[in-house]
N, C-alpha and C. Protein backbone atom coordinates (compact mmCIF):
# COMPACT_ATOMS: atom_id res chain seq x y z
N MET A 1 12.68 13.09 0.88
CA MET A 1 12.04 13.78 1.50
C MET A 1 11.92 14.80 1.93
N GLN A 2 13.18 15.97 1.69
CA GLN A 2 13.35 16.89 2.19
C GLN A 2 12.21 17.83 1.09
N LYS A 3 12.01 17.00 0.11
CA LYS A 3 11.08 17.84 -1.30
C LYS A 3 9.40 18.28 -0.50
N ILE A 4 9.46 17.13 -0.08
CA ILE A 4 7.54 16.70 0.75
C ILE A 4 8.09 18.10 1.89
N LYS A 5 8.65 17.80 2.55
CA LYS A 5 8.97 18.87 3.83
C LYS A 5 8.99 20.20 3.72
N ASP A 6 9.74 20.31 1.83
CA ASP A 6 9.74 21.84 1.65
C ASP A 6 8.20 22.32 1.04
N ARG A 7 7.43 21.73 0.73
CA ARG A 7 6.08 21.49 -0.23
C ARG A 7 5.42 22.00 1.24
N ALA A 8 5.50 21.49 1.83
CA ALA A 8 4.38 21.36 3.33
C ALA A 8 4.55 22.94 3.69
N ILE A 9 6.08 22.99 3.99
CA ILE A 9 6.10 24.10 4.62
C ILE A 9 6.09 25.36 3.96
N LYS A 10 5.95 25.07 2.56
CA LYS A 10 5.69 26.43 1.42
C LYS A 10 4.01 26.77 1.70
N ARG A 11 3.43 25.59 1.72
CA ARG A 11 2.36 25.73 1.92
C ARG A 11 1.96 26.28 3.16
N ALA A 12 2.70 26.10 4.35
CA ALA A 12 1.91 26.76 5.39
C ALA A 12 2.33 28.11 5.26
N GLU A 13 3.35 28.10 4.66
CA GLU A 13 3.71 29.96 4.64
C GLU A 13 2.93 30.37 4.10
N ALA A 14 2.32 30.00 2.72
CA ALA A 14 1.83 30.61 2.05
C ALA A 14 0.08 30.75 2.80
N LEU A 15 -0.35 29.98 3.81
CA LEU A 15 -1.39 29.97 4.37
C LEU A 15 -0.86 31.21 5.39
N ILE A 16 -0.23 31.41 5.97
CA ILE A 16 0.23 32.86 6.81
C ILE A 16 0.24 33.81 6.33
N LEU A 17 1.19 34.08 4.86
CA LEU A 17 0.96 35.18 4.26
C LEU A 17 0.07 35.75 4.04
N ASN A 18 -1.12 34.63 3.47
CA ASN A 18 -2.26 35.02 2.36
C ASN A 18 -3.42 34.96 4.05
N LYS A 19 -3.04 35.30 5.08
CA LYS A 19 -4.08 35.21 6.21
C LYS A 19 -5.25 34.51 5.61
N GLU A 20 -5.10 33.11 5.14
CA GLU A 20 -6.28 32.13 4.86
C GLU A 20 -5.92 30.67 5.88
N PHE A 21 -4.96 31.25 7.17
CA PHE A 21 -5.10 29.92 7.59
C PHE A 21 -5.97 29.86 8.61
N SER A 22 -7.00 30.93 8.98
CA SER A 22 -7.92 30.70 9.55
C SER A 22 -9.14 29.28 8.66
N ARG A 23 -8.94 29.11 7.78
CA ARG A 23 -9.90 28.57 6.81
C ARG A 23 -9.66 27.16 7.34
N ASP A 24 -10.65 26.23 6.79
CA ASP A 24 -10.37 25.20 7.19
C ASP A 24 -9.66 24.35 6.02
N ILE A 25 -8.92 23.92 6.16
CA ILE A 25 -7.84 23.22 5.74
C ILE A 25 -8.50 22.32 4.59
N LYS A 26 -9.53 21.53 4.81
CA LYS A 26 -10.29 20.69 3.87
C LYS A 26 -10.47 21.52 2.70
N ALA A 27 -10.88 22.72 2.88
CA ALA A 27 -11.25 23.41 1.27
C ALA A 27 -10.09 24.08 0.89
N LEU A 28 -8.94 23.88 1.62
CA LEU A 28 -8.09 24.85 1.22
C LEU A 28 -7.47 23.35 0.01
N MET A 29 -7.48 22.50 0.38
CA MET A 29 -7.22 21.13 -0.25
C MET A 29 -8.24 20.76 -1.25
N ALA A 30 -8.95 21.36 -0.98
CA ALA A 30 -10.22 21.03 -2.54
C ALA A 30 -10.08 21.88 -3.58
N GLN A 31 -9.14 22.82 -3.03
CA GLN A 31 -8.90 24.23 -3.90
C GLN A 31 -7.77 24.13 -4.63
N GLU A 32 -6.50 23.40 -3.92
CA GLU A 32 -5.46 23.33 -4.56
C GLU A 32 -5.10 21.96 -5.60
N LYS A 33 -5.35 21.00 -4.84
CA LYS A 33 -5.60 19.69 -5.61
C LYS A 33 -4.02 19.33 -5.24
N PRO A 34 -3.67 18.87 -4.05
CA PRO A 34 -2.19 18.34 -4.03
C PRO A 34 -1.74 16.88 -4.20
N ASP A 35 -0.98 16.69 -4.13
CA ASP A 35 -0.54 15.54 -4.66
C ASP A 35 -0.32 14.60 -3.62
N GLN A 36 -0.62 13.06 -3.44
CA GLN A 36 -1.06 12.38 -2.04
C GLN A 36 -0.41 12.75 -1.36
N GLU A 37 1.31 12.52 -1.26
CA GLU A 37 2.20 12.73 -0.25
C GLU A 37 2.03 14.17 0.71
N THR A 38 1.82 15.57 -0.47
CA THR A 38 1.21 16.47 0.77
C THR A 38 -0.49 16.61 1.22
N LEU A 39 -1.21 15.33 0.48
CA LEU A 39 -2.16 15.34 1.02
C LEU A 39 -2.13 14.67 2.74
N ARG A 40 -1.30 13.89 2.57
CA ARG A 40 -1.07 12.84 4.00
C ARG A 40 -0.46 13.50 4.65
N CYS A 41 0.44 14.68 4.13
CA CYS A 41 1.14 15.62 5.70
C CYS A 41 -0.21 16.65 6.01
N TRP A 42 -0.57 17.16 5.14
CA TRP A 42 -2.35 17.94 5.33
C TRP A 42 -2.90 17.30 6.23
N LYS A 43 -3.47 16.30 6.00
CA LYS A 43 -4.39 15.27 6.93
C LYS A 43 -4.02 15.33 8.02
N LYS A 44 -2.39 14.82 8.19
CA LYS A 44 -2.26 14.49 9.76
C LYS A 44 -2.40 15.71 10.95
N ILE A 45 -1.93 16.67 9.71
CA ILE A 45 -1.92 18.69 10.63
C ILE A 45 -3.31 18.77 11.05
N SER A 46 -4.57 18.72 9.95
CA SER A 46 -5.92 19.14 10.51
C SER A 46 -6.33 18.00 11.21
N GLU A 47 -5.97 16.54 11.86
CA GLU A 47 -6.56 16.47 12.98
C GLU A 47 -5.85 16.52 14.31
N ALA A 48 -5.30 17.96 14.02
CA ALA A 48 -4.46 18.23 15.40
C ALA A 48 -5.81 18.64 16.03
N ARG A 49 -5.84 18.80 17.72
CA ARG A 49 -6.74 19.12 18.43
C ARG A 49 -6.93 20.38 18.40
N HIS A 50 -5.77 21.37 18.50
CA HIS A 50 -5.61 22.72 18.62
C HIS A 50 -5.93 23.37 17.37
N LYS A 51 -6.28 24.73 17.24
CA LYS A 51 -6.43 25.30 15.75
C LYS A 51 -4.86 26.07 15.96
N LEU A 52 -4.45 25.56 14.87
CA LEU A 52 -3.23 26.52 14.06
C LEU A 52 -3.28 27.89 13.63
N THR A 53 -2.62 28.36 14.63
CA THR A 53 -3.25 30.26 14.25
C THR A 53 -1.96 31.27 14.37
N ASP A 54 -0.86 30.52 14.45
CA ASP A 54 0.14 31.42 13.83
C ASP A 54 1.31 30.48 13.39
N GLU A 55 2.26 30.95 12.99
CA GLU A 55 3.33 30.78 12.11
C GLU A 55 4.38 29.28 12.51
N ALA A 56 5.04 30.15 14.62
CA ALA A 56 5.42 28.94 14.97
C ALA A 56 4.59 27.56 15.05
N LYS A 57 3.26 27.31 14.95
CA LYS A 57 2.47 26.57 15.42
C LYS A 57 2.23 25.50 14.01
N ILE A 58 2.41 26.22 13.01
CA ILE A 58 1.98 25.08 11.83
C ILE A 58 3.60 24.71 11.88
N GLN A 59 4.30 25.65 11.89
CA GLN A 59 5.86 24.66 11.32
C GLN A 59 5.90 23.76 12.13
N LEU A 60 5.83 24.17 13.55
CA LEU A 60 5.95 22.44 14.43
C LEU A 60 5.21 21.64 13.77
N ALA A 61 3.50 21.96 13.34
CA ALA A 61 3.10 20.70 12.80
C ALA A 61 3.81 20.13 11.97
N VAL A 62 3.83 21.07 11.06
CA VAL A 62 4.52 20.38 9.83
C VAL A 62 6.01 19.85 9.91
N GLU A 63 6.43 19.91 10.84
CA GLU A 63 8.15 19.21 11.11
C GLU A 63 7.55 17.94 11.63
N LYS A 64 6.50 17.84 12.43
CA LYS A 64 6.24 16.80 13.21
C LYS A 64 5.95 15.75 12.43
N THR A 65 4.66 16.16 11.62
CA THR A 65 4.03 15.53 10.17
C THR A 65 5.39 15.00 9.50
N VAL A 66 5.85 15.79 9.05
CA VAL A 66 7.04 15.11 7.62
C VAL A 66 7.94 14.10 8.62
N LYS A 67 8.01 14.13 9.84
CA LYS A 67 8.91 13.40 10.16
C LYS A 67 8.54 11.78 9.95
N LEU A 68 6.82 12.12 10.84
CA LEU A 68 5.93 10.80 10.54
C LEU A 68 6.08 10.08 9.75
N VAL A 69 5.52 10.93 8.53
CA VAL A 69 5.38 10.22 7.05
C VAL A 69 6.70 9.76 6.73
N MET A 70 7.54 10.48 7.00
CA MET A 70 9.05 9.88 6.62
C MET A 70 9.28 8.57 7.29
N GLY A 71 9.07 8.16 8.53
CA GLY A 71 9.37 6.78 9.26
C GLY A 71 8.03 5.94 8.45
N GLN A 72 6.98 6.39 8.23
CA GLN A 72 6.24 5.22 7.65
C GLN A 72 6.56 4.93 6.64
N GLN A 73 7.41 5.58 5.48
CA GLN A 73 8.11 5.37 4.12
C GLN A 73 9.19 4.42 4.40
N ALA A 74 9.79 4.61 5.22
CA ALA A 74 11.17 4.07 5.58
C ALA A 74 10.83 3.03 5.61
N HIS A 75 9.88 2.67 7.00
CA HIS A 75 9.28 1.13 7.19
C HIS A 75 8.90 0.55 5.78
N THR A 76 8.25 1.22 5.13
CA THR A 76 7.67 0.44 4.26
C THR A 76 8.64 -0.38 3.00
N LYS A 77 9.60 0.58 2.66
CA LYS A 77 10.39 0.27 1.92
C LYS A 77 11.34 -0.82 2.54
N GLU A 78 11.39 -1.37 4.16
CA GLU A 78 12.28 -2.00 4.53
C GLU A 78 11.67 -3.09 4.29
N TYR A 79 10.72 -3.63 4.11
CA TYR A 79 9.51 -5.13 3.85
C TYR A 79 9.48 -4.95 2.33
N PHE A 80 10.04 -3.98 1.38
CA PHE A 80 10.13 -4.31 -0.19
C PHE A 80 10.52 -5.69 -0.50
N VAL A 81 10.00 -6.77 -1.33
CA VAL A 81 10.34 -8.01 -1.40
C VAL A 81 9.81 -8.43 -3.09
N PRO A 82 10.85 -8.24 -3.65
CA PRO A 82 10.74 -8.77 -5.35
C PRO A 82 10.35 -10.30 -5.57
N LEU A 83 9.21 -10.55 -6.20
CA LEU A 83 8.77 -11.96 -6.14
C LEU A 83 8.97 -12.57 -7.92
N VAL A 84 9.18 -13.92 -8.33
CA VAL A 84 9.63 -14.29 -9.43
C VAL A 84 8.33 -15.57 -9.62
N LEU A 85 7.42 -15.55 -10.24
CA LEU A 85 6.85 -16.61 -10.72
C LEU A 85 7.53 -17.35 -11.77
N THR A 86 7.64 -18.57 -11.78
CA THR A 86 8.45 -18.81 -12.94
C THR A 86 7.18 -19.95 -14.12
N ASP A 87 7.39 -20.45 -15.23
CA ASP A 87 6.51 -21.29 -15.93
C ASP A 87 6.27 -22.56 -15.29
N ALA A 88 7.20 -23.04 -14.59
CA ALA A 88 6.79 -23.92 -14.14
C ALA A 88 6.35 -24.07 -12.54
N GLY A 89 6.24 -23.10 -12.27
CA GLY A 89 4.62 -22.86 -11.21
C GLY A 89 5.72 -22.23 -9.83
N ASP A 90 6.71 -22.10 -10.03
CA ASP A 90 7.70 -21.62 -8.81
C ASP A 90 7.73 -20.49 -8.42
N LEU A 91 7.11 -19.69 -7.34
CA LEU A 91 7.35 -18.25 -6.49
C LEU A 91 8.02 -18.51 -6.20
N PHE A 92 9.17 -17.67 -5.92
CA PHE A 92 10.24 -17.27 -4.72
C PHE A 92 11.05 -16.15 -5.26
N ARG A 93 11.99 -15.63 -4.03
CA ARG A 93 12.80 -14.71 -3.88
C ARG A 93 14.27 -15.09 -4.08
N GLU A 94 15.22 -13.94 -4.19
CA GLU A 94 16.77 -14.53 -3.89
C GLU A 94 17.06 -14.72 -3.00
N PRO A 95 17.54 -15.85 -2.45
CA PRO A 95 18.15 -16.80 -2.88
C PRO A 95 17.21 -18.13 -3.54
N LYS A 96 16.89 -18.52 -4.81
CA LYS A 96 16.12 -19.16 -4.55
C LYS A 96 15.73 -20.60 -4.01
N ASP A 97 17.50 -21.36 -4.14
CA ASP A 97 17.47 -22.22 -2.81
C ASP A 97 16.68 -22.27 -1.67
N LYS A 98 16.67 -21.05 -1.09
CA LYS A 98 16.07 -21.04 0.23
C LYS A 98 14.88 -20.31 0.17
N TYR A 99 14.33 -19.51 -0.46
CA TYR A 99 13.01 -19.10 -0.54
C TYR A 99 12.59 -19.18 -1.80
N CYS A 100 11.85 -20.43 -1.54
CA CYS A 100 10.44 -20.96 -2.90
C CYS A 100 9.47 -21.63 -2.68
N TYR A 101 8.39 -20.85 -3.32
CA TYR A 101 7.38 -21.90 -2.93
C TYR A 101 6.56 -22.48 -4.09
N PRO A 102 7.05 -23.71 -4.12
CA PRO A 102 6.11 -24.44 -5.35
C PRO A 102 5.24 -24.38 -5.50
N LEU A 103 4.50 -23.92 -6.43
CA LEU A 103 2.71 -24.11 -6.56
C LEU A 103 2.68 -25.07 -8.03
N GLN A 104 1.37 -25.55 -7.64
CA GLN A 104 1.07 -26.70 -8.85
C GLN A 104 0.68 -26.02 -9.99
N SER A 105 1.84 -26.66 -10.83
CA SER A 105 1.12 -25.93 -12.41
C SER A 105 0.30 -25.65 -12.74
N SER A 106 -0.83 -26.54 -12.43
CA SER A 106 -2.26 -26.33 -12.98
C SER A 106 -3.64 -26.29 -11.41
N GLY A 107 -2.76 -25.81 -10.92
CA GLY A 107 -4.11 -25.35 -9.30
C GLY A 107 -4.10 -24.42 -9.55
N LEU A 108 -5.00 -24.40 -8.47
CA LEU A 108 -6.00 -23.16 -7.89
C LEU A 108 -5.22 -21.89 -7.78
N ARG A 109 -4.11 -22.48 -6.46
CA ARG A 109 -3.57 -21.28 -6.20
C ARG A 109 -2.66 -20.50 -6.98
N LEU A 110 -1.72 -21.25 -8.22
CA LEU A 110 -1.17 -20.99 -9.33
C LEU A 110 -1.98 -19.73 -10.18
N GLN A 111 -3.31 -20.01 -10.55
CA GLN A 111 -4.46 -19.63 -11.48
C GLN A 111 -5.00 -18.24 -10.09
N ILE A 112 -4.94 -18.30 -9.06
CA ILE A 112 -5.24 -17.00 -8.33
C ILE A 112 -4.43 -15.99 -8.52
N ILE A 113 -2.86 -16.33 -8.27
CA ILE A 113 -1.91 -15.63 -8.41
C ILE A 113 -1.63 -14.95 -9.59
N LYS A 114 -1.52 -15.98 -10.75
CA LYS A 114 -1.37 -15.39 -12.46
C LYS A 114 -2.62 -14.16 -12.60
N THR A 115 -3.74 -14.41 -12.15
CA THR A 115 -4.86 -13.03 -12.43
C THR A 115 -4.59 -12.54 -11.70
N LEU A 116 -4.22 -12.30 -10.14
CA LEU A 116 -3.79 -10.81 -9.78
C LEU A 116 -2.54 -10.06 -9.92
N ILE A 117 -1.67 -10.63 -11.10
CA ILE A 117 -0.89 -10.48 -11.45
C ILE A 117 -1.06 -9.06 -12.33
N GLY A 118 -0.27 -7.72 -12.07
CA GLY A 118 -0.55 -6.81 -13.27
C GLY A 118 -2.07 -5.83 -12.42
N LYS A 119 -2.67 -6.56 -11.58
CA LYS A 119 -3.70 -5.78 -11.35
C LYS A 119 -3.48 -4.66 -9.99
N LYS A 120 -3.15 -3.45 -10.71
CA LYS A 120 -3.02 -2.29 -9.30
C LYS A 120 -4.22 -1.55 -8.58
N GLU A 121 -5.10 -2.47 -8.88
CA GLU A 121 -6.87 -1.91 -7.54
C GLU A 121 -6.76 -3.32 -7.50
N PHE A 122 -7.83 -3.03 -6.30
CA PHE A 122 -8.36 -4.18 -5.91
C PHE A 122 -9.68 -5.00 -7.33
N TYR A 123 -9.49 -6.18 -7.13
CA TYR A 123 -10.18 -7.35 -8.36
C TYR A 123 -11.39 -7.71 -7.31
N PRO A 124 -12.39 -7.68 -8.03
CA PRO A 124 -13.51 -7.80 -7.36
C PRO A 124 -13.74 -9.76 -7.16
N SER A 125 -13.82 -9.86 -6.07
CA SER A 125 -14.11 -11.28 -5.75
C SER A 125 -14.99 -12.37 -6.94
N HIS A 126 -15.85 -12.00 -7.30
CA HIS A 126 -16.91 -12.33 -8.07
C HIS A 126 -15.92 -12.49 -9.47
N SER A 127 -15.34 -11.47 -9.88
CA SER A 127 -14.61 -11.36 -11.19
C SER A 127 -13.55 -12.49 -10.82
N LEU A 128 -13.09 -12.66 -9.86
CA LEU A 128 -11.82 -13.21 -9.48
C LEU A 128 -11.93 -15.22 -10.00
N MET A 129 -13.55 -15.09 -8.88
CA MET A 129 -14.09 -16.35 -9.12
C MET A 129 -14.44 -16.89 -10.72
N SER A 130 -14.83 -16.24 -11.53
CA SER A 130 -15.05 -16.60 -12.80
C SER A 130 -13.77 -16.52 -13.41
N ASP A 131 -12.65 -15.97 -13.23
CA ASP A 131 -11.32 -16.20 -14.13
C ASP A 131 -10.77 -17.25 -13.48
N ILE A 132 -11.03 -18.14 -12.46
CA ILE A 132 -10.56 -19.04 -12.52
C ILE A 132 -11.62 -20.24 -12.34
N ASN A 133 -12.44 -19.57 -12.73
CA ASN A 133 -13.76 -21.51 -13.13
C ASN A 133 -13.76 -21.72 -11.36
N LYS A 134 -14.35 -20.89 -10.42
CA LYS A 134 -14.41 -21.41 -8.70
C LYS A 134 -15.83 -21.07 -8.73
N TYR A 135 -16.82 -21.78 -8.46
CA TYR A 135 -18.03 -21.17 -7.76
C TYR A 135 -18.32 -20.92 -6.14
N SER A 136 -17.48 -20.91 -6.06
CA SER A 136 -17.58 -21.13 -4.15
C SER A 136 -16.50 -20.19 -3.55
N TYR A 137 -17.28 -18.94 -2.84
CA TYR A 137 -16.45 -17.99 -2.40
C TYR A 137 -15.63 -18.86 -1.09
N GLY A 138 -15.93 -19.56 -0.33
CA GLY A 138 -15.39 -20.28 0.66
C GLY A 138 -13.98 -21.06 0.25
N SER A 139 -14.07 -21.63 -1.07
CA SER A 139 -13.28 -22.17 -1.60
C SER A 139 -11.91 -21.19 -2.02
N LEU A 140 -12.21 -20.27 -2.38
CA LEU A 140 -11.75 -19.15 -3.03
C LEU A 140 -10.92 -18.22 -1.72
N THR A 141 -11.77 -18.04 -0.37
CA THR A 141 -11.15 -17.69 0.79
C THR A 141 -10.18 -17.72 1.45
N TYR A 142 -10.16 -19.74 1.40
CA TYR A 142 -9.78 -20.81 1.84
C TYR A 142 -8.33 -20.90 1.06
N ALA A 143 -8.11 -21.13 -0.37
CA ALA A 143 -6.78 -20.73 -1.36
C ALA A 143 -6.19 -19.80 -0.75
N ILE A 144 -6.96 -18.88 -0.95
CA ILE A 144 -5.83 -17.51 -0.46
C ILE A 144 -5.20 -17.28 0.65
N GLY A 145 -6.01 -18.06 1.99
CA GLY A 145 -5.68 -18.17 3.17
C GLY A 145 -4.28 -19.22 3.22
N GLN A 146 -4.39 -20.08 2.48
CA GLN A 146 -3.63 -20.96 2.38
C GLN A 146 -2.00 -20.44 1.42
N ILE A 147 -2.30 -19.36 0.62
CA ILE A 147 -1.45 -18.84 -0.61
C ILE A 147 -0.64 -17.98 0.83
N ASN A 148 -1.27 -16.91 1.52
CA ASN A 148 -0.49 -16.00 2.34
C ASN A 148 0.20 -17.15 3.72
N ARG A 149 -0.33 -17.73 3.97
CA ARG A 149 0.21 -18.86 4.88
C ARG A 149 1.22 -19.49 4.57
N GLN A 150 1.52 -20.24 3.25
CA GLN A 150 2.32 -20.70 2.82
C GLN A 150 3.50 -19.79 2.34
N ALA A 151 3.23 -18.40 1.80
CA ALA A 151 4.28 -17.68 0.90
C ALA A 151 4.83 -17.04 2.35
N ALA A 152 4.47 -16.54 3.39
CA ALA A 152 5.21 -16.35 4.58
C ALA A 152 5.89 -17.31 5.08
N ASN A 153 5.74 -18.42 5.13
CA ASN A 153 6.30 -19.44 5.13
C ASN A 153 7.87 -19.84 4.87
N LYS A 154 7.44 -19.91 3.74
CA LYS A 154 8.26 -20.15 2.36
C LYS A 154 9.56 -19.34 1.61
N LEU A 155 8.36 -18.42 1.73
CA LEU A 155 9.43 -16.92 1.21
C LEU A 155 10.14 -15.75 2.23
N GLY A 156 9.69 -16.44 3.34
CA GLY A 156 10.30 -15.41 4.28
C GLY A 156 9.75 -14.30 4.58
N LEU A 157 8.34 -13.86 4.46
CA LEU A 157 7.98 -12.92 4.36
C LEU A 157 7.71 -12.06 5.80
N PRO A 158 7.90 -11.14 6.11
CA PRO A 158 7.39 -10.40 7.53
C PRO A 158 5.95 -11.25 7.58
N LYS A 159 6.11 -11.03 9.00
CA LYS A 159 4.67 -11.40 9.52
C LYS A 159 3.75 -9.86 9.39
N GLY A 160 2.61 -10.65 9.04
CA GLY A 160 1.50 -9.64 9.16
C GLY A 160 1.32 -8.66 7.74
N ARG A 161 2.12 -9.19 6.91
CA ARG A 161 1.99 -8.26 5.95
C ARG A 161 1.91 -9.48 5.08
N ASN A 162 0.45 -9.80 4.50
CA ASN A 162 0.19 -10.67 3.33
C ASN A 162 0.38 -10.70 1.98
N LEU A 163 0.46 -11.79 1.12
CA LEU A 163 1.30 -11.76 -0.22
C LEU A 163 -0.08 -11.00 -1.27
N ILE A 164 -1.28 -11.71 -0.51
CA ILE A 164 -2.68 -11.17 -1.09
C ILE A 164 -2.94 -10.21 -0.04
N VAL A 165 -3.60 -9.28 -0.63
CA VAL A 165 -4.30 -8.54 0.37
C VAL A 165 -6.06 -8.10 0.20
N SER A 166 -6.68 -8.13 0.71
CA SER A 166 -8.04 -8.00 0.89
C SER A 166 -8.77 -6.87 1.70
N LYS A 167 -9.71 -6.29 0.89
CA LYS A 167 -10.62 -5.36 1.82
C LYS A 167 -12.09 -5.99 0.78
N ARG A 168 -12.71 -5.36 2.30
CA ARG A 168 -14.12 -5.83 1.98
C ARG A 168 -14.49 -4.77 1.14
N PHE A 169 -15.79 -5.86 0.49
CA PHE A 169 -16.45 -5.08 -0.89
C PHE A 169 -15.57 -4.59 -1.89
N SER A 170 -14.53 -4.69 -1.60
CA SER A 170 -13.77 -4.33 -2.83
C SER A 170 -12.85 -5.19 -3.87
N GLY A 171 -12.74 -6.39 -2.86
CA GLY A 171 -11.81 -7.89 -3.53
C GLY A 171 -10.73 -8.18 -3.07
N TYR A 172 -9.64 -8.32 -4.06
CA TYR A 172 -8.47 -9.18 -3.85
C TYR A 172 -7.13 -8.10 -5.00
N MET A 173 -5.75 -8.13 -4.30
CA MET A 173 -4.94 -7.86 -4.77
C MET A 173 -3.64 -8.14 -4.02
N LEU A 174 -2.51 -8.49 -5.25
CA LEU A 174 -1.26 -8.80 -4.72
C LEU A 174 -0.69 -7.27 -3.60
N ASN A 175 -0.21 -7.53 -2.47
CA ASN A 175 0.24 -6.86 -2.02
C ASN A 175 1.70 -5.94 -2.55
N GLU A 176 1.79 -4.44 -2.51
CA GLU A 176 2.36 -4.04 -3.33
C GLU A 176 3.66 -3.70 -2.73
N LEU A 177 3.95 -4.02 -1.77
CA LEU A 177 5.05 -4.67 -0.91
C LEU A 177 6.02 -5.77 -1.89
N TYR A 178 5.01 -6.72 -2.22
CA TYR A 178 5.89 -7.77 -3.07
C TYR A 178 5.49 -7.86 -4.41
N PRO A 179 6.13 -6.92 -5.25
CA PRO A 179 5.70 -7.08 -6.86
C PRO A 179 6.22 -8.61 -7.46
N VAL A 180 5.16 -9.23 -8.39
CA VAL A 180 5.50 -10.54 -8.67
C VAL A 180 5.94 -10.38 -10.39
N THR A 181 6.78 -10.54 -10.71
CA THR A 181 7.14 -10.72 -12.19
C THR A 181 6.84 -11.98 -12.77
N GLU A 182 6.50 -12.53 -14.19
CA GLU A 182 6.65 -13.49 -14.41
C GLU A 182 8.04 -14.10 -15.52
N LYS A 183 8.41 -15.00 -15.29
CA LYS A 183 9.31 -15.77 -16.27
C LYS A 183 8.99 -16.98 -17.00
């Protein structure tokens, strides 16, 4: 996290030294093409109510933003739970005897999870339905809801953090906090 803070401070100092701090931050971001973490910091800074006009204000905004981002990332790592899917259709985390969600070996829920494994972006609903040979959007959403409820109960996943996440008009994907590997 120190690396992120250093980058943000360096960019803030560059703004002051080059007298570019009066420009719009969005225009600067378009010029610099920063990485995602730095962009997130700058986005928070740019949402400030008051214009950042001197070095002290920019430094304070950067420090507050870095603390906020650091807190969010630490909170995310706290919920990271690796999962394993066996050939028999058991989805589990360690210890297996305590946290196991047995899926039917030829069931719809197992097909959904197997289809979504390895997808880094949202997988469109219509593609998912054709891959698992389902023609009803209602049955797909019902099955995904059941997977999320059962996984939360049987695998001890945190409340409000579904195994399968959805985004309207984008589709479905496995939550990045729960990487699933096949054995």
